[in-house]
Amino acid sequence: MASLPSTRRGFLTLVGTAAPVIWLAALPRGAQAALPHLSVASNATAAALKYTEDASKAQAPRKTGQDCSNCQHFQGKAGQAYGPCALFPGFDVNAKGWCAGYAAKA
């Protein structure tokens, strides 16, 4: 376990470093910068999972009615055009997209 700083300078360094991180974490999701949109061209995982921006153009094994907005991995809010996905951390996916990692919401 880390020990507390024993000097005033150490304490001020700790507070100065931690304060911006705590402030950013406290912001609501909408106030934080949007994540970059996922691209098959630049993301090997997206290519491997056959991600597509338009579910209607996805190839098998996609079934009718399957898209990111009703997948358990999609973390965006209802009605959002793009949102984060647990399968692609650090990226937003199209709510109308699809990938082979699709799993219906319970």
N, C-alpha and C. Protein backbone atom coordinates (compact mmCIF):
# COMPACT_ATOMS: atom_id res chain seq x y z
N MET A 1 0.85 -1.17 0.00
CA MET A 1 0.00 0.00 0.00
C MET A 1 0.90 1.24 0.00
N ALA A 2 0.51 2.24 -0.79
CA ALA A 2 1.31 3.45 -0.87
C ALA A 2 1.17 4.25 0.42
N SER A 3 2.25 4.86 0.82
CA SER A 3 2.20 5.67 2.03
C SER A 3 1.91 7.13 1.66
N LEU A 4 1.38 7.86 2.58
CA LEU A 4 1.11 9.27 2.36
C LEU A 4 2.41 10.05 2.34
N PRO A 5 2.45 11.13 1.56
CA PRO A 5 3.66 11.92 1.51
C PRO A 5 3.98 12.52 2.88
N SER A 6 5.26 12.55 3.21
CA SER A 6 5.65 13.05 4.52
C SER A 6 6.05 14.52 4.48
N THR A 7 6.11 15.11 3.30
CA THR A 7 6.48 16.52 3.20
C THR A 7 5.34 17.32 2.58
N ARG A 8 5.39 18.59 2.80
CA ARG A 8 4.38 19.47 2.22
C ARG A 8 4.46 19.42 0.70
N ARG A 9 5.66 19.42 0.16
CA ARG A 9 5.84 19.38 -1.29
C ARG A 9 5.26 18.08 -1.86
N GLY A 10 5.48 16.98 -1.20
CA GLY A 10 4.93 15.71 -1.64
C GLY A 10 3.42 15.71 -1.63
N PHE A 11 2.85 16.29 -0.58
CA PHE A 11 1.39 16.39 -0.48
C PHE A 11 0.82 17.24 -1.61
N LEU A 12 1.42 18.40 -1.86
CA LEU A 12 0.94 19.28 -2.92
C LEU A 12 1.07 18.62 -4.29
N THR A 13 2.12 17.86 -4.50
CA THR A 13 2.28 17.13 -5.76
C THR A 13 1.17 16.10 -5.91
N LEU A 14 0.88 15.38 -4.85
CA LEU A 14 -0.18 14.38 -4.89
C LEU A 14 -1.53 15.02 -5.20
N VAL A 15 -1.87 16.08 -4.51
CA VAL A 15 -3.15 16.76 -4.72
C VAL A 15 -3.21 17.36 -6.12
N GLY A 16 -2.11 17.96 -6.57
CA GLY A 16 -2.08 18.57 -7.89
C GLY A 16 -2.23 17.56 -9.01
N THR A 17 -1.77 16.36 -8.79
CA THR A 17 -1.88 15.31 -9.80
C THR A 17 -3.26 14.65 -9.76
N ALA A 18 -3.79 14.44 -8.59
CA ALA A 18 -5.05 13.72 -8.44
C ALA A 18 -6.27 14.58 -8.75
N ALA A 19 -6.21 15.86 -8.48
CA ALA A 19 -7.39 16.72 -8.63
C ALA A 19 -7.95 16.72 -10.06
N PRO A 20 -7.14 16.91 -11.10
CA PRO A 20 -7.71 16.90 -12.46
C PRO A 20 -8.33 15.55 -12.83
N VAL A 21 -7.74 14.47 -12.38
CA VAL A 21 -8.28 13.14 -12.68
C VAL A 21 -9.64 12.96 -12.03
N ILE A 22 -9.75 13.35 -10.78
CA ILE A 22 -11.02 13.24 -10.06
C ILE A 22 -12.07 14.15 -10.72
N TRP A 23 -11.67 15.34 -11.11
CA TRP A 23 -12.61 16.28 -11.74
C TRP A 23 -13.13 15.71 -13.06
N LEU A 24 -12.26 15.13 -13.90
CA LEU A 24 -12.69 14.56 -15.17
C LEU A 24 -13.60 13.36 -14.96
N ALA A 25 -13.30 12.55 -13.98
CA ALA A 25 -14.12 11.37 -13.71
C ALA A 25 -15.51 11.76 -13.22
N ALA A 26 -15.62 12.91 -12.58
CA ALA A 26 -16.91 13.35 -12.03
C ALA A 26 -17.82 13.97 -13.08
N LEU A 27 -17.27 14.34 -14.24
CA LEU A 27 -18.09 14.93 -15.29
C LEU A 27 -19.09 13.92 -15.82
N PRO A 28 -20.29 14.36 -16.18
CA PRO A 28 -21.23 13.43 -16.79
C PRO A 28 -20.70 12.96 -18.14
N ARG A 29 -21.11 11.79 -18.58
CA ARG A 29 -20.62 11.20 -19.83
C ARG A 29 -20.78 12.15 -21.01
N GLY A 30 -21.88 12.88 -21.08
CA GLY A 30 -22.13 13.79 -22.19
C GLY A 30 -21.15 14.95 -22.23
N ALA A 31 -20.58 15.33 -21.11
CA ALA A 31 -19.66 16.46 -21.06
C ALA A 31 -18.25 16.07 -21.47
N GLN A 32 -17.95 14.78 -21.45
CA GLN A 32 -16.64 14.32 -21.84
C GLN A 32 -16.58 14.24 -23.37
N ALA A 33 -15.39 14.31 -23.91
CA ALA A 33 -15.22 14.26 -25.36
C ALA A 33 -15.72 12.93 -25.91
N ALA A 34 -16.32 12.98 -27.09
CA ALA A 34 -16.80 11.77 -27.74
C ALA A 34 -15.61 10.91 -28.14
N LEU A 35 -15.82 9.61 -28.12
CA LEU A 35 -14.78 8.68 -28.54
C LEU A 35 -14.70 8.67 -30.06
N PRO A 36 -13.55 8.29 -30.62
CA PRO A 36 -13.47 8.19 -32.08
C PRO A 36 -14.35 7.05 -32.57
N HIS A 37 -14.87 7.20 -33.78
CA HIS A 37 -15.71 6.16 -34.36
C HIS A 37 -14.83 4.99 -34.81
N LEU A 38 -15.33 3.80 -34.62
CA LEU A 38 -14.61 2.58 -34.98
C LEU A 38 -14.49 2.47 -36.49
N SER A 39 -13.31 2.07 -36.96
CA SER A 39 -13.06 1.90 -38.39
C SER A 39 -12.44 0.53 -38.63
N VAL A 40 -13.02 -0.23 -39.54
CA VAL A 40 -12.49 -1.55 -39.88
C VAL A 40 -11.10 -1.41 -40.49
N ALA A 41 -10.88 -0.33 -41.23
CA ALA A 41 -9.61 -0.12 -41.91
C ALA A 41 -8.44 0.02 -40.94
N SER A 42 -8.69 0.55 -39.75
CA SER A 42 -7.60 0.81 -38.82
C SER A 42 -7.67 0.00 -37.53
N ASN A 43 -8.62 -0.94 -37.42
CA ASN A 43 -8.77 -1.71 -36.20
C ASN A 43 -8.86 -3.20 -36.54
N ALA A 44 -7.85 -3.95 -36.15
CA ALA A 44 -7.79 -5.38 -36.47
C ALA A 44 -8.93 -6.17 -35.81
N THR A 45 -9.32 -5.78 -34.60
CA THR A 45 -10.42 -6.48 -33.92
C THR A 45 -11.73 -6.27 -34.67
N ALA A 46 -11.96 -5.05 -35.14
CA ALA A 46 -13.17 -4.76 -35.91
C ALA A 46 -13.20 -5.59 -37.19
N ALA A 47 -12.06 -5.71 -37.85
CA ALA A 47 -11.98 -6.52 -39.07
C ALA A 47 -12.24 -8.00 -38.76
N ALA A 48 -11.64 -8.49 -37.68
CA ALA A 48 -11.80 -9.90 -37.31
C ALA A 48 -13.25 -10.23 -36.95
N LEU A 49 -13.95 -9.27 -36.33
CA LEU A 49 -15.35 -9.49 -35.95
C LEU A 49 -16.32 -9.02 -37.03
N LYS A 50 -15.80 -8.68 -38.21
CA LYS A 50 -16.62 -8.29 -39.38
C LYS A 50 -17.55 -7.14 -39.07
N TYR A 51 -17.05 -6.15 -38.29
CA TYR A 51 -17.86 -4.98 -37.95
C TYR A 51 -18.23 -4.23 -39.22
N THR A 52 -19.46 -3.78 -39.28
CA THR A 52 -19.93 -2.93 -40.37
C THR A 52 -20.79 -1.82 -39.79
N GLU A 53 -20.68 -0.64 -40.39
CA GLU A 53 -21.45 0.53 -39.93
C GLU A 53 -22.94 0.37 -40.20
N ASP A 54 -23.30 -0.44 -41.20
CA ASP A 54 -24.69 -0.61 -41.60
C ASP A 54 -25.05 -2.09 -41.51
N ALA A 55 -25.84 -2.45 -40.50
CA ALA A 55 -26.18 -3.85 -40.27
C ALA A 55 -26.89 -4.48 -41.46
N SER A 56 -27.63 -3.70 -42.24
CA SER A 56 -28.34 -4.27 -43.37
C SER A 56 -27.39 -4.78 -44.45
N LYS A 57 -26.14 -4.33 -44.42
CA LYS A 57 -25.14 -4.77 -45.40
C LYS A 57 -24.22 -5.86 -44.85
N ALA A 58 -24.45 -6.27 -43.60
CA ALA A 58 -23.61 -7.30 -42.98
C ALA A 58 -23.92 -8.66 -43.58
N GLN A 59 -22.89 -9.48 -43.66
CA GLN A 59 -23.05 -10.82 -44.21
C GLN A 59 -23.36 -11.80 -43.08
N ALA A 60 -23.72 -13.02 -43.45
CA ALA A 60 -24.02 -14.06 -42.46
C ALA A 60 -22.84 -14.17 -41.49
N PRO A 61 -23.10 -14.42 -40.24
CA PRO A 61 -24.28 -15.01 -39.62
C PRO A 61 -25.31 -14.02 -39.09
N ARG A 62 -25.29 -12.77 -39.55
CA ARG A 62 -26.26 -11.78 -39.07
C ARG A 62 -27.68 -12.21 -39.44
N LYS A 63 -28.59 -11.97 -38.50
CA LYS A 63 -30.01 -12.24 -38.73
C LYS A 63 -30.76 -10.92 -38.71
N THR A 64 -31.89 -10.87 -39.36
CA THR A 64 -32.71 -9.66 -39.40
C THR A 64 -33.03 -9.19 -38.00
N GLY A 65 -32.93 -7.89 -37.78
CA GLY A 65 -33.24 -7.30 -36.49
C GLY A 65 -32.04 -7.16 -35.57
N GLN A 66 -30.92 -7.74 -35.94
CA GLN A 66 -29.72 -7.63 -35.12
C GLN A 66 -28.95 -6.37 -35.51
N ASP A 67 -28.70 -5.50 -34.54
CA ASP A 67 -27.81 -4.36 -34.74
C ASP A 67 -27.24 -3.96 -33.39
N CYS A 68 -26.26 -3.09 -33.42
CA CYS A 68 -25.56 -2.72 -32.18
C CYS A 68 -26.49 -2.16 -31.11
N SER A 69 -27.51 -1.44 -31.51
CA SER A 69 -28.39 -0.80 -30.51
C SER A 69 -29.12 -1.80 -29.63
N ASN A 70 -29.31 -3.04 -30.11
CA ASN A 70 -29.98 -4.03 -29.27
C ASN A 70 -29.05 -5.19 -28.88
N CYS A 71 -27.75 -4.90 -28.85
CA CYS A 71 -26.74 -5.86 -28.43
C CYS A 71 -26.36 -5.60 -26.96
N GLN A 72 -26.09 -6.64 -26.21
CA GLN A 72 -25.74 -6.46 -24.79
C GLN A 72 -24.42 -5.74 -24.60
N HIS A 73 -23.55 -5.71 -25.60
CA HIS A 73 -22.25 -5.06 -25.48
C HIS A 73 -22.32 -3.55 -25.73
N PHE A 74 -23.40 -3.08 -26.37
CA PHE A 74 -23.56 -1.66 -26.68
C PHE A 74 -23.88 -0.90 -25.39
N GLN A 75 -23.11 0.14 -25.10
CA GLN A 75 -23.26 0.88 -23.86
C GLN A 75 -23.82 2.28 -24.08
N GLY A 76 -24.25 2.58 -25.29
CA GLY A 76 -24.84 3.88 -25.56
C GLY A 76 -26.27 3.93 -25.06
N LYS A 77 -26.81 5.13 -25.02
CA LYS A 77 -28.19 5.31 -24.58
C LYS A 77 -29.14 5.10 -25.77
N ALA A 78 -30.37 4.75 -25.47
CA ALA A 78 -31.38 4.56 -26.51
C ALA A 78 -31.52 5.85 -27.33
N GLY A 79 -31.53 5.71 -28.64
CA GLY A 79 -31.67 6.85 -29.52
C GLY A 79 -30.37 7.49 -29.96
N GLN A 80 -29.25 7.11 -29.32
CA GLN A 80 -27.95 7.66 -29.73
C GLN A 80 -27.54 7.05 -31.06
N ALA A 81 -26.95 7.85 -31.94
CA ALA A 81 -26.46 7.35 -33.22
C ALA A 81 -25.20 6.52 -33.04
N TYR A 82 -24.34 6.92 -32.10
CA TYR A 82 -23.10 6.19 -31.80
C TYR A 82 -22.98 6.04 -30.29
N GLY A 83 -22.30 5.00 -29.86
CA GLY A 83 -22.07 4.80 -28.44
C GLY A 83 -20.93 3.82 -28.21
N PRO A 84 -20.42 3.77 -26.99
CA PRO A 84 -19.33 2.86 -26.68
C PRO A 84 -19.78 1.40 -26.72
N CYS A 85 -18.81 0.52 -26.96
CA CYS A 85 -19.09 -0.91 -27.01
C CYS A 85 -18.03 -1.64 -26.19
N ALA A 86 -18.45 -2.61 -25.40
CA ALA A 86 -17.53 -3.37 -24.55
C ALA A 86 -16.52 -4.17 -25.38
N LEU A 87 -16.86 -4.52 -26.61
CA LEU A 87 -15.95 -5.29 -27.46
C LEU A 87 -14.87 -4.42 -28.08
N PHE A 88 -15.12 -3.12 -28.17
CA PHE A 88 -14.18 -2.20 -28.80
C PHE A 88 -13.89 -1.03 -27.86
N PRO A 89 -13.17 -1.27 -26.76
CA PRO A 89 -12.91 -0.19 -25.80
C PRO A 89 -12.16 0.97 -26.46
N GLY A 90 -12.59 2.18 -26.12
CA GLY A 90 -11.94 3.37 -26.65
C GLY A 90 -12.54 3.85 -27.95
N PHE A 91 -13.59 3.20 -28.43
CA PHE A 91 -14.23 3.59 -29.68
C PHE A 91 -15.75 3.63 -29.52
N ASP A 92 -16.39 4.47 -30.31
CA ASP A 92 -17.84 4.47 -30.43
C ASP A 92 -18.21 3.68 -31.68
N VAL A 93 -19.28 2.91 -31.58
CA VAL A 93 -19.77 2.15 -32.73
C VAL A 93 -21.12 2.73 -33.16
N ASN A 94 -21.47 2.50 -34.41
CA ASN A 94 -22.75 2.96 -34.95
C ASN A 94 -23.86 2.10 -34.35
N ALA A 95 -24.89 2.73 -33.83
CA ALA A 95 -26.01 1.99 -33.25
C ALA A 95 -26.70 1.11 -34.29
N LYS A 96 -26.57 1.48 -35.57
CA LYS A 96 -27.17 0.70 -36.65
C LYS A 96 -26.16 -0.27 -37.26
N GLY A 97 -25.02 -0.43 -36.60
CA GLY A 97 -23.98 -1.33 -37.09
C GLY A 97 -24.19 -2.75 -36.60
N TRP A 98 -23.22 -3.61 -36.90
CA TRP A 98 -23.28 -5.01 -36.49
C TRP A 98 -21.88 -5.60 -36.52
N CYS A 99 -21.62 -6.60 -35.67
CA CYS A 99 -20.39 -7.39 -35.73
C CYS A 99 -20.69 -8.80 -35.30
N ALA A 100 -19.74 -9.70 -35.53
CA ALA A 100 -19.93 -11.11 -35.21
C ALA A 100 -19.98 -11.36 -33.69
N GLY A 101 -19.65 -10.38 -32.90
CA GLY A 101 -19.73 -10.51 -31.45
C GLY A 101 -21.12 -10.20 -30.90
N TYR A 102 -22.09 -10.00 -31.79
CA TYR A 102 -23.44 -9.63 -31.38
C TYR A 102 -24.02 -10.65 -30.40
N ALA A 103 -24.63 -10.14 -29.34
CA ALA A 103 -25.35 -10.95 -28.36
C ALA A 103 -26.59 -10.16 -27.95
N ALA A 104 -27.74 -10.73 -28.14
CA ALA A 104 -28.99 -10.04 -27.85
C ALA A 104 -29.07 -9.63 -26.39
N LYS A 105 -29.64 -8.43 -26.15
CA LYS A 105 -29.85 -7.98 -24.78
C LYS A 105 -30.85 -8.91 -24.11
N ALA A 106 -30.62 -9.13 -22.83
CA ALA A 106 -31.52 -10.01 -22.07
C ALA A 106 -32.84 -9.35 -21.84
